[in-house]
C-alpha cells in the first residue's frame, strides 16, 4: 500500500506544471536608436521609440472629459517568421481598436441569417402583444 501511495505522489509531482519560462533572446543587447518623450502639464503626451531590431512604437494621447485618456498611435515589428507587422490603433472610451491587414476579419453575415433574426424579432414582438396564459400574481 505504501508503494502505491509513493508511486501516485511521484506521478502527480512529475505531471505538475513546471512553471512558465519566457522565451530566451540572444545574449546580445538591442540598442535603442530613438527614444523621444514629451509630457505636457495638461496631461497630453507623445512618444516615439525605435530599437535596433526593428521595433517602432509611436503614440500620442490626451486626457478625455470623462477622466480617461484618449490615445492613438502605431507599432511595427518583424514577426518570427519574417512577416512585417504594422498596427495602427486608437484607444478611447470605446476601448482598444487596432487596425492591421494581419488581423482577422469577421465573415459577412449571410442574408438567410439576417432574415431569421428579423423573423425572431417579429415573433417576439407579436408574443409581447398577446395575453399570456401563464399565471400571474394578483
C-alpha atoms as a PDB file:
ATOM      1  CA  UNK A   1       0.000   0.000   0.000  1.00  0.00           C
ATOM      2  CA  UNK A   2       2.842   2.400   0.845  1.00  0.00           C
ATOM      3  CA  UNK A   3       4.429   1.675  -2.515  1.00  0.00           C
ATOM      4  CA  UNK A   4       1.193   2.602  -4.317  1.00  0.00           C
ATOM      5  CA  UNK A   5       0.918   5.898  -2.415  1.00  0.00           C
ATOM      6  CA  UNK A   6       4.538   6.790  -3.171  1.00  0.00           C
ATOM      7  CA  UNK A   7       4.017   5.920  -6.844  1.00  0.00           C
ATOM      8  CA  UNK A   8       0.861   8.083  -7.005  1.00  0.00           C
ATOM      9  CA  UNK A   9       2.627  11.049  -5.398  1.00  0.00           C
ATOM     10  CA  UNK A  10       5.585  10.652  -7.766  1.00  0.00           C
ATOM     11  CA  UNK A  11       3.246  10.638 -10.789  1.00  0.00           C
ATOM     12  CA  UNK A  12       1.420  13.738  -9.561  1.00  0.00           C
ATOM     13  CA  UNK A  13       4.683  15.571  -8.931  1.00  0.00           C
ATOM     14  CA  UNK A  14       6.013  14.648 -12.378  1.00  0.00           C
ATOM     15  CA  UNK A  15       2.782  15.735 -14.095  1.00  0.00           C
ATOM     16  CA  UNK A  16       2.560  19.104 -12.316  1.00  0.00           C
ATOM     17  CA  UNK A  17       3.307  22.150 -14.481  1.00  0.00           C
ATOM     18  CA  UNK A  18       6.919  23.177 -14.126  1.00  0.00           C
ATOM     19  CA  UNK A  19       6.244  26.919 -14.400  1.00  0.00           C
ATOM     20  CA  UNK A  20       6.449  29.370 -17.263  1.00  0.00           C
ATOM     21  CA  UNK A  21       9.787  30.113 -18.780  1.00  0.00           C
ATOM     22  CA  UNK A  22       9.965  33.171 -21.005  1.00  0.00           C
ATOM     23  CA  UNK A  23      11.485  32.628 -24.426  1.00  0.00           C
ATOM     24  CA  UNK A  24      15.189  33.345 -24.333  1.00  0.00           C
ATOM     25  CA  UNK A  25      16.593  36.019 -26.557  1.00  0.00           C
ATOM     26  CA  UNK A  26      20.116  36.208 -27.775  1.00  0.00           C
ATOM     27  CA  UNK A  27      22.523  37.460 -25.149  1.00  0.00           C
ATOM     28  CA  UNK A  28      23.212  40.462 -27.366  1.00  0.00           C
ATOM     29  CA  UNK A  29      21.626  43.686 -26.155  1.00  0.00           C
ATOM     30  CA  UNK A  30      19.319  45.516 -28.559  1.00  0.00           C
ATOM     31  CA  UNK A  31      20.229  49.189 -28.927  1.00  0.00           C
ATOM     32  CA  UNK A  32      17.639  51.938 -28.566  1.00  0.00           C
ATOM     33  CA  UNK A  33      18.011  54.061 -31.685  1.00  0.00           C
ATOM     34  CA  UNK A  34      15.421  56.686 -30.801  1.00  0.00           C
ATOM     35  CA  UNK A  35      13.539  57.464 -27.587  1.00  0.00           C
ATOM     36  CA  UNK A  36      11.656  60.745 -27.682  1.00  0.00           C
ATOM     37  CA  UNK A  37       9.096  61.508 -24.971  1.00  0.00           C
ATOM     38  CA  UNK A  38       7.106  64.653 -24.329  1.00  0.00           C
ATOM     39  CA  UNK A  39       4.694  65.066 -21.423  1.00  0.00           C
ATOM     40  CA  UNK A  40       2.809  68.342 -21.170  1.00  0.00           C
ATOM     41  CA  UNK A  41       1.498  69.846 -17.930  1.00  0.00           C
ATOM     42  CA  UNK A  42      -2.104  69.449 -19.093  1.00  0.00           C
ATOM     43  CA  UNK A  43      -1.705  65.668 -19.443  1.00  0.00           C
ATOM     44  CA  UNK A  44      -1.054  65.479 -23.182  1.00  0.00           C
ATOM     45  CA  UNK A  45       1.829  63.251 -24.172  1.00  0.00           C
ATOM     46  CA  UNK A  46       3.579  61.650 -27.102  1.00  0.00           C
ATOM     47  CA  UNK A  47       6.445  59.274 -27.500  1.00  0.00           C
ATOM     48  CA  UNK A  48       8.413  57.658 -30.289  1.00  0.00           C
ATOM     49  CA  UNK A  49      10.702  54.687 -29.730  1.00  0.00           C
ATOM     50  CA  UNK A  50      12.764  52.726 -32.229  1.00  0.00           C
ATOM     51  CA  UNK A  51      15.041  49.799 -31.426  1.00  0.00           C
ATOM     52  CA  UNK A  52      17.896  48.218 -33.327  1.00  0.00           C
ATOM     53  CA  UNK A  53      15.906  45.057 -34.013  1.00  0.00           C
ATOM     54  CA  UNK A  54      13.242  46.938 -35.992  1.00  0.00           C
ATOM     55  CA  UNK A  55      10.600  47.632 -33.360  1.00  0.00           C
ATOM     56  CA  UNK A  56       8.991  51.056 -33.826  1.00  0.00           C
ATOM     57  CA  UNK A  57       6.350  52.481 -31.464  1.00  0.00           C
ATOM     58  CA  UNK A  58       4.650  55.847 -31.741  1.00  0.00           C
ATOM     59  CA  UNK A  59       1.819  57.056 -29.515  1.00  0.00           C
ATOM     60  CA  UNK A  60       0.156  60.297 -28.513  1.00  0.00           C
ATOM     61  CA  UNK A  61      -2.653  60.950 -26.116  1.00  0.00           C
ATOM     62  CA  UNK A  62      -4.607  63.449 -24.098  1.00  0.00           C
ATOM     63  CA  UNK A  63      -6.982  63.410 -21.125  1.00  0.00           C
ATOM     64  CA  UNK A  64     -10.643  62.955 -22.018  1.00  0.00           C
ATOM     65  CA  UNK A  65     -13.656  64.686 -20.491  1.00  0.00           C
ATOM     66  CA  UNK A  66     -14.629  61.539 -18.547  1.00  0.00           C
ATOM     67  CA  UNK A  67     -11.281  61.353 -16.750  1.00  0.00           C
ATOM     68  CA  UNK A  68      -9.699  58.729 -19.001  1.00  0.00           C
ATOM     69  CA  UNK A  69      -7.017  59.058 -21.637  1.00  0.00           C
ATOM     70  CA  UNK A  70      -7.638  59.003 -25.375  1.00  0.00           C
ATOM     71  CA  UNK A  71      -4.632  57.822 -27.317  1.00  0.00           C
ATOM     72  CA  UNK A  72      -3.695  56.880 -30.851  1.00  0.00           C
ATOM     73  CA  UNK A  73      -0.599  55.529 -32.446  1.00  0.00           C
ATOM     74  CA  UNK A  74       1.071  52.638 -34.173  1.00  0.00           C
ATOM     75  CA  UNK A  75       3.626  49.937 -33.651  1.00  0.00           C
ATOM     76  CA  UNK A  76       5.545  47.741 -36.017  1.00  0.00           C
ATOM     77  CA  UNK A  77       7.959  44.852 -35.814  1.00  0.00           C
ATOM     78  CA  UNK A  78       9.036  41.772 -37.740  1.00  0.00           C
ATOM     79  CA  UNK A  79       7.311  38.538 -36.714  1.00  0.00           C
ATOM     80  CA  UNK A  80       9.468  35.448 -36.041  1.00  0.00           C
ATOM     81  CA  UNK A  81       8.522  34.064 -39.480  1.00  0.00           C
ATOM     82  CA  UNK A  82       9.837  37.253 -41.152  1.00  0.00           C
ATOM     83  CA  UNK A  83       6.444  38.864 -41.775  1.00  0.00           C
ATOM     84  CA  UNK A  84       6.478  42.638 -41.281  1.00  0.00           C
ATOM     85  CA  UNK A  85       3.732  43.633 -38.838  1.00  0.00           C
ATOM     86  CA  UNK A  86       2.249  47.126 -38.680  1.00  0.00           C
ATOM     87  CA  UNK A  87      -0.678  48.019 -36.409  1.00  0.00           C
ATOM     88  CA  UNK A  88      -2.425  51.385 -36.115  1.00  0.00           C
ATOM     89  CA  UNK A  89      -4.620  51.871 -33.065  1.00  0.00           C
ATOM     90  CA  UNK A  90      -6.975  54.152 -31.208  1.00  0.00           C
ATOM     91  CA  UNK A  91      -7.720  53.696 -27.522  1.00  0.00           C
ATOM     92  CA  UNK A  92     -10.605  55.713 -26.108  1.00  0.00           C
ATOM     93  CA  UNK A  93     -13.940  55.273 -24.338  1.00  0.00           C
ATOM     94  CA  UNK A  94     -14.754  52.525 -26.873  1.00  0.00           C
ATOM     95  CA  UNK A  95     -11.652  50.546 -25.857  1.00  0.00           C
ATOM     96  CA  UNK A  96      -8.559  49.488 -27.756  1.00  0.00           C
ATOM     97  CA  UNK A  97      -9.259  49.434 -31.502  1.00  0.00           C
ATOM     98  CA  UNK A  98      -6.369  48.028 -33.542  1.00  0.00           C
ATOM     99  CA  UNK A  99      -6.294  48.057 -37.336  1.00  0.00           C
ATOM    100  CA  UNK A 100      -3.976  45.943 -39.444  1.00  0.00           C
ATOM    101  CA  UNK A 101      -4.073  43.881 -42.602  1.00  0.00           C
ATOM    102  CA  UNK A 102      -2.883  40.950 -40.475  1.00  0.00           C
ATOM    103  CA  UNK A 103      -5.813  40.993 -38.029  1.00  0.00           C
ATOM    104  CA  UNK A 104      -8.667  38.568 -38.708  1.00  0.00           C
ATOM    105  CA  UNK A 105     -11.933  39.993 -40.017  1.00  0.00           C
ATOM    106  CA  UNK A 106     -15.328  38.580 -39.088  1.00  0.00           C
ATOM    107  CA  UNK A 107     -17.115  36.975 -42.029  1.00  0.00           C
ATOM    108  CA  UNK A 108     -20.122  38.671 -43.596  1.00  0.00           C
ATOM    109  CA  UNK A 109     -23.406  37.503 -42.049  1.00  0.00           C
ATOM    110  CA  UNK A 110     -25.388  35.603 -44.717  1.00  0.00           C
ATOM    111  CA  UNK A 111     -28.767  37.019 -45.788  1.00  0.00           C
ATOM    112  CA  UNK A 112     -30.700  33.947 -44.578  1.00  0.00           C
ATOM    113  CA  UNK A 113     -29.286  34.500 -41.071  1.00  0.00           C
ATOM    114  CA  UNK A 114     -30.315  38.168 -41.126  1.00  0.00           C
ATOM    115  CA  UNK A 115     -33.809  37.096 -42.259  1.00  0.00           C
ATOM    116  CA  UNK A 116     -34.057  34.560 -39.420  1.00  0.00           C
ATOM    117  CA  UNK A 117     -33.013  37.183 -36.872  1.00  0.00           C
ATOM    118  CA  UNK A 118     -35.664  39.598 -38.216  1.00  0.00           C
ATOM    119  CA  UNK A 119     -38.304  36.814 -38.123  1.00  0.00           C
ATOM    120  CA  UNK A 120     -37.435  36.007 -34.495  1.00  0.00           C
ATOM    121  CA  UNK A 121     -37.714  39.685 -33.557  1.00  0.00           C
ATOM    122  CA  UNK A 122     -41.161  39.865 -35.200  1.00  0.00           C
ATOM    123  CA  UNK A 123     -42.279  36.756 -33.278  1.00  0.00           C
ATOM    124  CA  UNK A 124     -41.044  38.245 -30.008  1.00  0.00           C
ATOM    125  CA  UNK A 125     -42.907  41.493 -30.693  1.00  0.00           C
ATOM    126  CA  UNK A 126     -46.097  39.602 -31.551  1.00  0.00           C
ATOM    127  CA  UNK A 127     -45.896  37.457 -28.415  1.00  0.00           C
ATOM    128  CA  UNK A 128     -45.392  40.540 -26.283  1.00  0.00           C
ATOM    129  CA  UNK A 129     -48.745  41.906 -27.514  1.00  0.00           C
ATOM    130  CA  UNK A 130     -50.698  38.658 -26.927  1.00  0.00           C
ATOM    131  CA  UNK A 131     -52.187  37.956 -23.499  1.00  0.00           C
ATOM    132  CA  UNK A 132     -50.282  35.340 -21.562  1.00  0.00           C
ATOM    133  CA  UNK A 133     -51.866  32.066 -20.467  1.00  0.00           C
ATOM    134  CA  UNK A 134     -49.441  31.908 -17.564  1.00  0.00           C
ATOM    135  CA  UNK A 135     -50.495  32.546 -14.025  1.00  0.00           C
ATOM    136  CA  UNK A 136     -49.543  35.912 -12.649  1.00  0.00           C
ATOM    137  CA  UNK A 137     -49.796  37.166  -9.131  1.00  0.00           C
ATOM    138  CA  UNK A 138     -52.750  39.461  -8.347  1.00  0.00           C
END
